[in-house]
Amino acid sequence: GALMRRGEKSLQQELSEGEWNTGAASDVELLYYHVEMLRLFENLVLGGNAKARAVLLRNADRFGVAFQQLLAITKANVPIAMHAQCVRLLSALYIDVETTNQRSYAVPNTTRVWS
């Protein structure tokens, strides 16, 4: 099978289980595609990519990333993965646009177990 990023399988499971799987399989795939596109847009603007941000803002309505569109998605009954991705994109595209503030925190990559 294809390699998957961490969390990708759980996203596919979330979308294919329960209330999100009321239609055809293509509906689940469409939700998954939408979340992945939001993730791509977030990754494009992180780190101060002003050109990518300008293109996204210029075409925000067409790409579905206008402020009001993203805000409406966060208020709707959507899978938690889509909600979280919309919040991250809102932050990266509209709120935290200064390059010095983005990803300035250290992401822990190890844990310690204290006895």
C-alpha atoms as a PDB file:
ATOM      1  CA  GLY A   1       0.000   0.000   0.000  1.00  0.00           C
ATOM      2  CA  ALA A   2       0.930   3.644  -0.236  1.00  0.00           C
ATOM      3  CA  LEU A   3       2.791   5.317   2.595  1.00  0.00           C
ATOM      4  CA  MET A   4       0.587   7.428   4.817  1.00  0.00           C
ATOM      5  CA  ARG A   5       1.386  10.346   7.068  1.00  0.00           C
ATOM      6  CA  ARG A   6       0.635  10.035  10.755  1.00  0.00           C
ATOM      7  CA  GLY A   7      -3.051  10.706  11.354  1.00  0.00           C
ATOM      8  CA  GLU A   8      -4.051  10.156   7.734  1.00  0.00           C
ATOM      9  CA  LYS A   9      -5.589   6.760   8.347  1.00  0.00           C
ATOM     10  CA  SER A  10      -7.588   8.066  11.286  1.00  0.00           C
ATOM     11  CA  LEU A  11      -8.864  10.919   9.099  1.00  0.00           C
ATOM     12  CA  GLN A  12     -10.022   8.467   6.455  1.00  0.00           C
ATOM     13  CA  GLN A  13     -11.632   6.333   9.167  1.00  0.00           C
ATOM     14  CA  GLU A  14     -13.372   9.340  10.709  1.00  0.00           C
ATOM     15  CA  LEU A  15     -14.807  10.399   7.387  1.00  0.00           C
ATOM     16  CA  SER A  16     -15.937   6.905   6.415  1.00  0.00           C
ATOM     17  CA  GLU A  17     -17.610   6.098   9.745  1.00  0.00           C
ATOM     18  CA  GLY A  18     -20.815   7.298  11.290  1.00  0.00           C
ATOM     19  CA  GLU A  19     -22.764  10.298  10.128  1.00  0.00           C
ATOM     20  CA  TRP A  20     -20.199  11.398   7.537  1.00  0.00           C
ATOM     21  CA  ASN A  21     -20.735   8.278   5.453  1.00  0.00           C
ATOM     22  CA  THR A  22     -24.381   8.777   4.565  1.00  0.00           C
ATOM     23  CA  GLY A  23     -23.838   9.096   0.827  1.00  0.00           C
ATOM     24  CA  ALA A  24     -21.676   7.501  -1.782  1.00  0.00           C
ATOM     25  CA  ALA A  25     -18.016   6.692  -1.279  1.00  0.00           C
ATOM     26  CA  SER A  26     -17.231   9.702  -3.436  1.00  0.00           C
ATOM     27  CA  ASP A  27     -18.679  11.970  -0.717  1.00  0.00           C
ATOM     28  CA  VAL A  28     -16.127  10.655   1.781  1.00  0.00           C
ATOM     29  CA  GLU A  29     -13.363  11.085  -0.769  1.00  0.00           C
ATOM     30  CA  LEU A  30     -14.515  14.654  -1.439  1.00  0.00           C
ATOM     31  CA  LEU A  31     -14.354  15.506   2.274  1.00  0.00           C
ATOM     32  CA  TYR A  32     -10.885  13.964   2.480  1.00  0.00           C
ATOM     33  CA  TYR A  33      -9.766  15.933  -0.594  1.00  0.00           C
ATOM     34  CA  HIS A  34     -11.078  19.171   0.884  1.00  0.00           C
ATOM     35  CA  VAL A  35      -9.194  18.662   4.163  1.00  0.00           C
ATOM     36  CA  GLU A  36      -6.009  17.865   2.247  1.00  0.00           C
ATOM     37  CA  MET A  37      -6.371  21.014   0.114  1.00  0.00           C
ATOM     38  CA  LEU A  38      -6.807  23.127   3.252  1.00  0.00           C
ATOM     39  CA  ARG A  39      -3.657  21.505   4.646  1.00  0.00           C
ATOM     40  CA  LEU A  40      -1.789  22.299   1.424  1.00  0.00           C
ATOM     41  CA  PHE A  41      -2.892  25.937   1.546  1.00  0.00           C
ATOM     42  CA  GLU A  42      -1.744  26.201   5.171  1.00  0.00           C
ATOM     43  CA  ASN A  43       1.667  24.761   4.331  1.00  0.00           C
ATOM     44  CA  LEU A  44       2.017  27.178   1.415  1.00  0.00           C
ATOM     45  CA  VAL A  45       1.565  30.286   3.549  1.00  0.00           C
ATOM     46  CA  LEU A  46       3.518  29.196   6.611  1.00  0.00           C
ATOM     47  CA  GLY A  47       6.971  30.670   6.924  1.00  0.00           C
ATOM     48  CA  GLY A  48       6.084  33.991   5.355  1.00  0.00           C
ATOM     49  CA  ASN A  49       5.500  32.982   1.747  1.00  0.00           C
ATOM     50  CA  ALA A  50       4.039  36.339   0.750  1.00  0.00           C
ATOM     51  CA  LYS A  51       3.493  35.378  -2.895  1.00  0.00           C
ATOM     52  CA  ALA A  52       1.473  32.282  -2.002  1.00  0.00           C
ATOM     53  CA  ARG A  53      -0.514  34.270   0.554  1.00  0.00           C
ATOM     54  CA  ALA A  54      -1.251  36.983  -2.013  1.00  0.00           C
ATOM     55  CA  VAL A  55      -2.467  34.408  -4.570  1.00  0.00           C
ATOM     56  CA  LEU A  56      -4.676  32.708  -1.993  1.00  0.00           C
ATOM     57  CA  LEU A  57      -6.174  35.986  -0.808  1.00  0.00           C
ATOM     58  CA  ARG A  58      -6.738  37.212  -4.362  1.00  0.00           C
ATOM     59  CA  ASN A  59      -8.606  33.978  -5.194  1.00  0.00           C
ATOM     60  CA  ALA A  60     -10.038  33.304  -1.724  1.00  0.00           C
ATOM     61  CA  ASP A  61     -13.683  33.024  -2.796  1.00  0.00           C
ATOM     62  CA  ARG A  62     -12.847  30.739  -5.698  1.00  0.00           C
ATOM     63  CA  PHE A  63     -10.585  28.499  -3.577  1.00  0.00           C
ATOM     64  CA  GLY A  64     -13.035  28.426  -0.680  1.00  0.00           C
ATOM     65  CA  VAL A  65     -10.636  30.047   1.773  1.00  0.00           C
ATOM     66  CA  ALA A  66     -12.273  33.436   2.272  1.00  0.00           C
ATOM     67  CA  PHE A  67     -12.480  34.428   5.919  1.00  0.00           C
ATOM     68  CA  GLN A  68     -16.274  34.078   6.085  1.00  0.00           C
ATOM     69  CA  GLN A  69     -16.185  30.715   4.296  1.00  0.00           C
ATOM     70  CA  LEU A  70     -13.627  29.247   6.698  1.00  0.00           C
ATOM     71  CA  LEU A  71     -15.454  30.702   9.674  1.00  0.00           C
ATOM     72  CA  ALA A  72     -18.737  29.181   8.472  1.00  0.00           C
ATOM     73  CA  ILE A  73     -17.094  25.758   8.184  1.00  0.00           C
ATOM     74  CA  THR A  74     -15.789  25.977  11.753  1.00  0.00           C
ATOM     75  CA  LYS A  75     -19.321  26.702  12.979  1.00  0.00           C
ATOM     76  CA  ALA A  76     -20.906  23.883  10.949  1.00  0.00           C
ATOM     77  CA  ASN A  77     -21.330  20.274  11.959  1.00  0.00           C
ATOM     78  CA  VAL A  78     -18.240  18.917  10.182  1.00  0.00           C
ATOM     79  CA  PRO A  79     -15.667  16.261  11.050  1.00  0.00           C
ATOM     80  CA  ILE A  80     -13.205  17.421  13.708  1.00  0.00           C
ATOM     81  CA  ALA A  81     -10.327  17.078  11.236  1.00  0.00           C
ATOM     82  CA  MET A  82     -11.947  19.582   8.865  1.00  0.00           C
ATOM     83  CA  HIS A  83     -12.778  21.930  11.720  1.00  0.00           C
ATOM     84  CA  ALA A  84      -9.188  21.814  13.010  1.00  0.00           C
ATOM     85  CA  GLN A  85      -7.696  22.368   9.567  1.00  0.00           C
ATOM     86  CA  CYS A  86      -9.948  25.378   8.953  1.00  0.00           C
ATOM     87  CA  VAL A  87      -8.860  26.907  12.265  1.00  0.00           C
ATOM     88  CA  ARG A  88      -5.177  26.343  11.397  1.00  0.00           C
ATOM     89  CA  LEU A  89      -5.640  27.919   7.961  1.00  0.00           C
ATOM     90  CA  LEU A  90      -7.566  30.854   9.442  1.00  0.00           C
ATOM     91  CA  SER A  91      -4.673  31.443  11.797  1.00  0.00           C
ATOM     92  CA  ALA A  92      -1.968  31.151   9.143  1.00  0.00           C
ATOM     93  CA  LEU A  93      -3.747  33.143   6.438  1.00  0.00           C
ATOM     94  CA  TYR A  94      -5.574  35.875   8.355  1.00  0.00           C
ATOM     95  CA  ILE A  95      -4.438  36.093  11.966  1.00  0.00           C
ATOM     96  CA  ASP A  96      -0.787  35.146  12.432  1.00  0.00           C
ATOM     97  CA  VAL A  97       0.684  36.577   9.250  1.00  0.00           C
ATOM     98  CA  GLU A  98       3.929  37.873  10.724  1.00  0.00           C
ATOM     99  CA  THR A  99       6.730  35.535   9.705  1.00  0.00           C
ATOM    100  CA  THR A 100       8.557  35.924  12.996  1.00  0.00           C
ATOM    101  CA  ASN A 101       5.610  34.475  14.932  1.00  0.00           C
ATOM    102  CA  GLN A 102       4.840  31.472  12.768  1.00  0.00           C
ATOM    103  CA  ARG A 103       6.247  28.187  13.942  1.00  0.00           C
ATOM    104  CA  SER A 104       8.528  29.955  16.389  1.00  0.00           C
ATOM    105  CA  TYR A 105       7.779  27.441  19.100  1.00  0.00           C
ATOM    106  CA  ALA A 106       9.791  24.268  19.467  1.00  0.00           C
ATOM    107  CA  VAL A 107       7.848  21.138  18.628  1.00  0.00           C
ATOM    108  CA  PRO A 108       8.728  18.355  21.055  1.00  0.00           C
ATOM    109  CA  ASN A 109      10.039  15.267  19.342  1.00  0.00           C
ATOM    110  CA  THR A 110      10.938  13.228  22.427  1.00  0.00           C
ATOM    111  CA  THR A 111       9.267  12.484  25.695  1.00  0.00           C
ATOM    112  CA  ARG A 112      10.619  11.704  29.136  1.00  0.00           C
ATOM    113  CA  VAL A 113       9.197   9.223  31.545  1.00  0.00           C
ATOM    114  CA  TRP A 114       9.721  10.133  35.167  1.00  0.00           C
ATOM    115  CA  SER A 115       9.678   7.273  37.651  1.00  0.00           C
END
